[in-house]
Amino acid sequence: KAITLQKETESVGMTMLIWDLAGSEKFDRMMSSYYRGAAGAIIVCDLTRQDTFQAITRYVHDFWSINANAPLVIVGNKVDLIDDLVVAFEDLAVVSNEFQAPHFVSSSKTGENVETLFHTLGQDILTPK
């Protein structure tokens, strides 16, 4: 994903390489090699599946055990499936506050908040706390 960000008075181009690491236990052993050297992370849950929401804490701890200072954003995806939502937006806010990370609800299908979450992570990478 290529984005352009503002750093002080200049525009900065950033290319983000994205890996989908969740969904299969057979990849658990390889995750640390992907985490190592990552500048940031997008931790995503499926708002229509409670189990993916419950896994957020484990994913954040796993990522930060290798990249303790790397920024992340927490995302609840599939917000477009209004009738199927089982994760409350308030619960997503609580877990993101626990990790002091920005959070978004998004839809890969409609594109809602997708650009915003990438720009937020990119800005956090450029201006660490």
N, C-alpha and C. Protein backbone atom coordinates (compact mmCIF):
# COMPACT_ATOMS: atom_id res chain seq x y z
N LYS A 1 0.86 -1.18 0.00
CA LYS A 1 0.00 0.00 0.00
C LYS A 1 0.90 1.23 0.00
N ALA A 2 0.80 2.05 -0.99
CA ALA A 2 1.57 3.28 -1.07
C ALA A 2 0.70 4.45 -0.61
N ILE A 3 1.26 5.25 0.29
CA ILE A 3 0.55 6.42 0.79
C ILE A 3 1.51 7.59 0.84
N THR A 4 0.95 8.79 0.90
CA THR A 4 1.73 10.01 1.07
C THR A 4 1.28 10.68 2.35
N LEU A 5 2.25 11.05 3.19
CA LEU A 5 1.98 11.64 4.49
C LEU A 5 2.67 12.98 4.61
N GLN A 6 2.23 13.77 5.55
CA GLN A 6 2.89 15.04 5.86
C GLN A 6 3.76 14.87 7.09
N LYS A 7 5.01 15.25 6.98
CA LYS A 7 5.92 15.30 8.12
C LYS A 7 6.46 16.71 8.18
N GLU A 8 5.96 17.43 9.18
CA GLU A 8 6.27 18.85 9.32
C GLU A 8 5.86 19.57 8.05
N THR A 9 6.80 20.10 7.27
CA THR A 9 6.44 20.88 6.08
C THR A 9 6.65 20.13 4.77
N GLU A 10 6.97 18.86 4.84
CA GLU A 10 7.24 18.12 3.61
C GLU A 10 6.33 16.90 3.47
N SER A 11 6.10 16.50 2.23
CA SER A 11 5.36 15.28 1.95
C SER A 11 6.33 14.11 1.93
N VAL A 12 5.90 13.01 2.52
CA VAL A 12 6.75 11.82 2.60
C VAL A 12 5.97 10.65 2.01
N GLY A 13 6.58 9.95 1.07
CA GLY A 13 5.97 8.76 0.51
C GLY A 13 6.33 7.55 1.36
N MET A 14 5.38 6.66 1.54
CA MET A 14 5.62 5.46 2.34
C MET A 14 4.96 4.29 1.62
N THR A 15 5.69 3.20 1.52
CA THR A 15 5.14 1.98 0.98
C THR A 15 5.03 0.97 2.11
N MET A 16 3.82 0.47 2.32
CA MET A 16 3.59 -0.50 3.39
C MET A 16 3.43 -1.88 2.78
N LEU A 17 4.17 -2.82 3.31
CA LEU A 17 4.00 -4.22 2.92
C LEU A 17 3.05 -4.84 3.93
N ILE A 18 2.06 -5.54 3.45
CA ILE A 18 1.00 -6.04 4.32
C ILE A 18 0.97 -7.56 4.24
N TRP A 19 0.96 -8.20 5.42
CA TRP A 19 0.82 -9.65 5.51
C TRP A 19 -0.39 -9.97 6.35
N ASP A 20 -1.19 -10.91 5.90
CA ASP A 20 -2.32 -11.42 6.69
C ASP A 20 -1.79 -12.64 7.42
N LEU A 21 -1.54 -12.50 8.72
CA LEU A 21 -0.89 -13.56 9.48
C LEU A 21 -1.83 -14.41 10.31
N ALA A 22 -3.06 -14.03 10.43
CA ALA A 22 -3.98 -14.76 11.30
C ALA A 22 -4.79 -15.78 10.51
N GLY A 23 -5.44 -16.64 11.27
CA GLY A 23 -6.38 -17.54 10.64
C GLY A 23 -5.96 -18.99 10.62
N SER A 24 -4.72 -19.29 10.89
CA SER A 24 -4.30 -20.68 10.88
C SER A 24 -3.16 -20.90 11.88
N GLU A 25 -3.34 -21.88 12.73
CA GLU A 25 -2.32 -22.16 13.74
C GLU A 25 -1.02 -22.66 13.12
N LYS A 26 -1.07 -23.22 11.92
CA LYS A 26 0.14 -23.75 11.31
C LYS A 26 1.16 -22.65 11.01
N PHE A 27 0.73 -21.39 11.00
CA PHE A 27 1.63 -20.27 10.74
C PHE A 27 2.14 -19.60 12.01
N ASP A 28 1.66 -20.04 13.18
CA ASP A 28 2.05 -19.40 14.44
C ASP A 28 3.56 -19.32 14.63
N ARG A 29 4.28 -20.37 14.27
CA ARG A 29 5.73 -20.38 14.47
C ARG A 29 6.45 -19.37 13.56
N MET A 30 5.85 -19.06 12.42
CA MET A 30 6.48 -18.14 11.48
C MET A 30 6.18 -16.68 11.80
N MET A 31 5.18 -16.43 12.62
CA MET A 31 4.75 -15.05 12.87
C MET A 31 5.87 -14.18 13.41
N SER A 32 6.68 -14.71 14.30
CA SER A 32 7.73 -13.88 14.89
C SER A 32 8.70 -13.37 13.84
N SER A 33 8.95 -14.14 12.80
CA SER A 33 9.86 -13.65 11.76
C SER A 33 9.22 -12.51 10.97
N TYR A 34 7.90 -12.50 10.84
CA TYR A 34 7.22 -11.39 10.19
C TYR A 34 7.16 -10.17 11.11
N TYR A 35 6.96 -10.40 12.40
CA TYR A 35 6.90 -9.30 13.36
C TYR A 35 8.23 -8.58 13.48
N ARG A 36 9.32 -9.35 13.43
CA ARG A 36 10.65 -8.77 13.61
C ARG A 36 10.92 -7.76 12.50
N GLY A 37 11.20 -6.57 12.87
CA GLY A 37 11.51 -5.53 11.91
C GLY A 37 10.30 -4.78 11.37
N ALA A 38 9.10 -5.20 11.76
CA ALA A 38 7.91 -4.49 11.30
C ALA A 38 7.85 -3.12 11.96
N ALA A 39 7.51 -2.12 11.18
CA ALA A 39 7.44 -0.76 11.71
C ALA A 39 6.12 -0.49 12.42
N GLY A 40 5.12 -1.31 12.18
CA GLY A 40 3.81 -1.14 12.80
C GLY A 40 2.91 -2.30 12.45
N ALA A 41 1.70 -2.27 13.01
CA ALA A 41 0.77 -3.37 12.76
C ALA A 41 -0.67 -2.86 12.72
N ILE A 42 -1.47 -3.54 11.93
CA ILE A 42 -2.91 -3.34 11.91
C ILE A 42 -3.50 -4.64 12.45
N ILE A 43 -4.11 -4.55 13.62
CA ILE A 43 -4.72 -5.72 14.24
C ILE A 43 -6.22 -5.66 13.91
N VAL A 44 -6.70 -6.66 13.18
CA VAL A 44 -8.05 -6.63 12.65
C VAL A 44 -8.89 -7.75 13.26
N CYS A 45 -10.12 -7.40 13.62
CA CYS A 45 -11.09 -8.43 13.99
C CYS A 45 -12.28 -8.30 13.05
N ASP A 46 -13.01 -9.39 12.94
CA ASP A 46 -14.22 -9.45 12.13
C ASP A 46 -15.38 -9.15 13.07
N LEU A 47 -16.06 -8.06 12.85
CA LEU A 47 -17.15 -7.64 13.74
C LEU A 47 -18.32 -8.62 13.75
N THR A 48 -18.32 -9.59 12.85
CA THR A 48 -19.38 -10.59 12.82
C THR A 48 -18.96 -11.89 13.51
N ARG A 49 -17.74 -11.91 14.07
CA ARG A 49 -17.23 -13.12 14.73
C ARG A 49 -16.57 -12.75 16.06
N GLN A 50 -17.20 -13.11 17.14
CA GLN A 50 -16.71 -12.78 18.48
C GLN A 50 -15.32 -13.35 18.75
N ASP A 51 -15.03 -14.54 18.23
CA ASP A 51 -13.73 -15.17 18.49
C ASP A 51 -12.57 -14.34 17.95
N THR A 52 -12.78 -13.64 16.84
CA THR A 52 -11.70 -12.80 16.30
C THR A 52 -11.47 -11.57 17.17
N PHE A 53 -12.55 -11.06 17.77
CA PHE A 53 -12.41 -9.94 18.71
C PHE A 53 -11.64 -10.39 19.95
N GLN A 54 -11.95 -11.56 20.45
CA GLN A 54 -11.29 -12.07 21.65
C GLN A 54 -9.81 -12.35 21.41
N ALA A 55 -9.40 -12.52 20.17
CA ALA A 55 -7.99 -12.79 19.85
C ALA A 55 -7.14 -11.52 19.77
N ILE A 56 -7.76 -10.34 19.76
CA ILE A 56 -7.00 -9.09 19.63
C ILE A 56 -5.91 -8.98 20.68
N THR A 57 -6.25 -9.23 21.93
CA THR A 57 -5.27 -9.07 23.02
C THR A 57 -4.06 -9.97 22.79
N ARG A 58 -4.30 -11.21 22.38
CA ARG A 58 -3.18 -12.14 22.12
C ARG A 58 -2.31 -11.62 20.97
N TYR A 59 -2.94 -11.13 19.90
CA TYR A 59 -2.16 -10.62 18.77
C TYR A 59 -1.33 -9.40 19.16
N VAL A 60 -1.90 -8.50 19.93
CA VAL A 60 -1.14 -7.32 20.37
C VAL A 60 0.03 -7.74 21.24
N HIS A 61 -0.21 -8.62 22.20
CA HIS A 61 0.89 -9.07 23.08
C HIS A 61 1.97 -9.81 22.28
N ASP A 62 1.57 -10.64 21.35
CA ASP A 62 2.55 -11.36 20.52
C ASP A 62 3.39 -10.38 19.71
N PHE A 63 2.73 -9.40 19.10
CA PHE A 63 3.45 -8.42 18.29
C PHE A 63 4.39 -7.58 19.15
N TRP A 64 3.86 -7.06 20.26
CA TRP A 64 4.69 -6.21 21.12
C TRP A 64 5.77 -6.98 21.86
N SER A 65 5.67 -8.28 21.98
CA SER A 65 6.75 -9.05 22.61
C SER A 65 8.00 -9.03 21.73
N ILE A 66 7.82 -8.77 20.46
CA ILE A 66 8.96 -8.70 19.53
C ILE A 66 9.26 -7.26 19.12
N ASN A 67 8.24 -6.43 19.01
CA ASN A 67 8.39 -5.02 18.60
C ASN A 67 7.71 -4.12 19.63
N ALA A 68 8.32 -4.01 20.77
CA ALA A 68 7.68 -3.35 21.91
C ALA A 68 7.27 -1.90 21.65
N ASN A 69 7.98 -1.20 20.82
CA ASN A 69 7.71 0.23 20.62
C ASN A 69 7.00 0.54 19.31
N ALA A 70 6.63 -0.48 18.56
CA ALA A 70 6.00 -0.24 17.26
C ALA A 70 4.54 0.16 17.42
N PRO A 71 4.10 1.16 16.67
CA PRO A 71 2.70 1.57 16.76
C PRO A 71 1.78 0.56 16.10
N LEU A 72 0.53 0.60 16.52
CA LEU A 72 -0.47 -0.25 15.88
C LEU A 72 -1.81 0.44 15.90
N VAL A 73 -2.69 -0.03 15.04
CA VAL A 73 -4.08 0.39 15.05
C VAL A 73 -4.93 -0.87 15.17
N ILE A 74 -6.07 -0.72 15.81
CA ILE A 74 -6.99 -1.84 15.99
C ILE A 74 -8.23 -1.55 15.14
N VAL A 75 -8.63 -2.55 14.37
CA VAL A 75 -9.70 -2.35 13.39
C VAL A 75 -10.77 -3.43 13.55
N GLY A 76 -12.00 -3.01 13.58
CA GLY A 76 -13.14 -3.92 13.48
C GLY A 76 -13.67 -3.85 12.06
N ASN A 77 -13.52 -4.93 11.32
CA ASN A 77 -13.89 -4.94 9.91
C ASN A 77 -15.29 -5.54 9.70
N LYS A 78 -15.83 -5.32 8.54
CA LYS A 78 -17.14 -5.79 8.10
C LYS A 78 -18.28 -4.98 8.73
N VAL A 79 -18.04 -3.71 8.96
CA VAL A 79 -19.06 -2.83 9.53
C VAL A 79 -20.27 -2.70 8.59
N ASP A 80 -20.07 -3.03 7.33
CA ASP A 80 -21.17 -2.97 6.36
C ASP A 80 -22.21 -4.07 6.58
N LEU A 81 -21.89 -5.11 7.33
CA LEU A 81 -22.83 -6.21 7.58
C LEU A 81 -23.64 -5.93 8.84
N ILE A 82 -24.39 -4.87 8.82
CA ILE A 82 -25.08 -4.33 9.99
C ILE A 82 -25.92 -5.38 10.71
N ASP A 83 -26.62 -6.22 9.99
CA ASP A 83 -27.50 -7.20 10.62
C ASP A 83 -26.75 -8.37 11.25
N ASP A 84 -25.46 -8.50 10.93
CA ASP A 84 -24.68 -9.64 11.43
C ASP A 84 -23.67 -9.28 12.51
N LEU A 85 -23.60 -8.01 12.90
CA LEU A 85 -22.60 -7.57 13.87
C LEU A 85 -22.85 -8.20 15.23
N VAL A 86 -21.76 -8.75 15.84
CA VAL A 86 -21.86 -9.32 17.19
C VAL A 86 -20.88 -8.65 18.14
N VAL A 87 -19.95 -7.87 17.63
CA VAL A 87 -18.98 -7.13 18.45
C VAL A 87 -19.45 -5.69 18.55
N ALA A 88 -19.63 -5.21 19.76
CA ALA A 88 -20.07 -3.83 19.97
C ALA A 88 -18.92 -2.86 19.72
N PHE A 89 -19.23 -1.74 19.09
CA PHE A 89 -18.20 -0.72 18.85
C PHE A 89 -17.57 -0.26 20.16
N GLU A 90 -18.37 -0.20 21.20
CA GLU A 90 -17.86 0.21 22.51
C GLU A 90 -16.81 -0.77 23.03
N ASP A 91 -17.01 -2.06 22.78
CA ASP A 91 -16.02 -3.06 23.20
C ASP A 91 -14.70 -2.89 22.45
N LEU A 92 -14.80 -2.54 21.18
CA LEU A 92 -13.60 -2.27 20.39
C LEU A 92 -12.87 -1.06 20.95
N ALA A 93 -13.61 -0.05 21.35
CA ALA A 93 -13.00 1.15 21.94
C ALA A 93 -12.32 0.82 23.26
N VAL A 94 -12.92 -0.02 24.08
CA VAL A 94 -12.33 -0.40 25.37
C VAL A 94 -11.00 -1.10 25.17
N VAL A 95 -10.95 -2.06 24.26
CA VAL A 95 -9.69 -2.80 24.06
C VAL A 95 -8.62 -1.90 23.45
N SER A 96 -9.01 -1.00 22.56
CA SER A 96 -8.01 -0.10 21.98
C SER A 96 -7.48 0.88 23.02
N ASN A 97 -8.34 1.33 23.92
CA ASN A 97 -7.89 2.21 25.00
C ASN A 97 -6.92 1.48 25.93
N GLU A 98 -7.17 0.21 26.15
CA GLU A 98 -6.27 -0.60 26.98
C GLU A 98 -4.84 -0.57 26.43
N PHE A 99 -4.72 -0.57 25.11
CA PHE A 99 -3.41 -0.57 24.47
C PHE A 99 -2.99 0.81 23.99
N GLN A 100 -3.78 1.83 24.30
CA GLN A 100 -3.52 3.20 23.87
C GLN A 100 -3.24 3.26 22.37
N ALA A 101 -4.11 2.60 21.63
CA ALA A 101 -3.98 2.53 20.17
C ALA A 101 -5.24 3.09 19.53
N PRO A 102 -5.10 3.78 18.42
CA PRO A 102 -6.30 4.24 17.72
C PRO A 102 -7.09 3.04 17.20
N HIS A 103 -8.39 3.23 17.07
CA HIS A 103 -9.21 2.15 16.54
C HIS A 103 -10.18 2.70 15.50
N PHE A 104 -10.60 1.80 14.62
CA PHE A 104 -11.51 2.15 13.54
C PHE A 104 -12.47 1.00 13.33
N VAL A 105 -13.64 1.31 12.81
CA VAL A 105 -14.48 0.30 12.20
C VAL A 105 -14.36 0.53 10.70
N SER A 106 -14.30 -0.56 9.96
CA SER A 106 -14.05 -0.43 8.53
C SER A 106 -14.85 -1.46 7.75
N SER A 107 -14.79 -1.30 6.45
CA SER A 107 -15.36 -2.28 5.54
C SER A 107 -14.41 -2.42 4.36
N SER A 108 -13.88 -3.61 4.19
CA SER A 108 -13.06 -3.87 3.01
C SER A 108 -13.91 -3.82 1.75
N LYS A 109 -15.16 -4.18 1.90
CA LYS A 109 -16.07 -4.21 0.75
C LYS A 109 -16.38 -2.81 0.24
N THR A 110 -16.71 -1.88 1.15
CA THR A 110 -17.08 -0.52 0.72
C THR A 110 -15.89 0.44 0.75
N GLY A 111 -14.82 0.07 1.46
CA GLY A 111 -13.66 0.94 1.59
C GLY A 111 -13.75 1.89 2.77
N GLU A 112 -14.83 1.81 3.54
CA GLU A 112 -15.02 2.72 4.68
C GLU A 112 -13.83 2.66 5.64
N ASN A 113 -13.21 3.79 5.87
CA ASN A 113 -12.09 4.00 6.80
C ASN A 113 -10.79 3.28 6.46
N VAL A 114 -10.72 2.62 5.32
CA VAL A 114 -9.50 1.89 4.98
C VAL A 114 -8.33 2.85 4.78
N GLU A 115 -8.51 3.87 3.97
CA GLU A 115 -7.43 4.84 3.75
C GLU A 115 -7.07 5.54 5.06
N THR A 116 -8.06 5.87 5.86
CA THR A 116 -7.83 6.57 7.12
C THR A 116 -6.97 5.75 8.06
N LEU A 117 -7.25 4.46 8.18
CA LEU A 117 -6.46 3.65 9.12
C LEU A 117 -5.03 3.50 8.64
N PHE A 118 -4.80 3.38 7.33
CA PHE A 118 -3.43 3.31 6.82
C PHE A 118 -2.69 4.62 7.05
N HIS A 119 -3.37 5.74 6.83
CA HIS A 119 -2.73 7.03 7.07
C HIS A 119 -2.42 7.25 8.55
N THR A 120 -3.32 6.80 9.41
CA THR A 120 -3.08 6.93 10.85
C THR A 120 -1.86 6.12 11.28
N LEU A 121 -1.79 4.87 10.83
CA LEU A 121 -0.62 4.05 11.17
C LEU A 121 0.65 4.65 10.58
N GLY A 122 0.59 5.09 9.34
CA GLY A 122 1.76 5.70 8.72
C GLY A 122 2.25 6.92 9.46
N GLN A 123 1.32 7.75 9.88
CA GLN A 123 1.70 8.96 10.64
C GLN A 123 2.32 8.57 11.98
N ASP A 124 1.78 7.54 12.63
CA ASP A 124 2.34 7.08 13.91
C ASP A 124 3.74 6.49 13.72
N ILE A 125 3.97 5.86 12.58
CA ILE A 125 5.31 5.33 12.28
C ILE A 125 6.30 6.48 12.10
N LEU A 126 5.87 7.54 11.40
CA LEU A 126 6.74 8.68 11.13
C LEU A 126 7.02 9.51 12.38
N THR A 127 6.06 9.59 13.28
CA THR A 127 6.20 10.42 14.47
C THR A 127 5.98 9.57 15.72
N PRO A 128 6.98 8.75 16.08
CA PRO A 128 6.81 7.87 17.25
C PRO A 128 6.62 8.67 18.53
N LYS A 129 5.96 8.04 19.49
CA LYS A 129 5.67 8.70 20.77
C LYS A 129 6.85 8.64 21.70
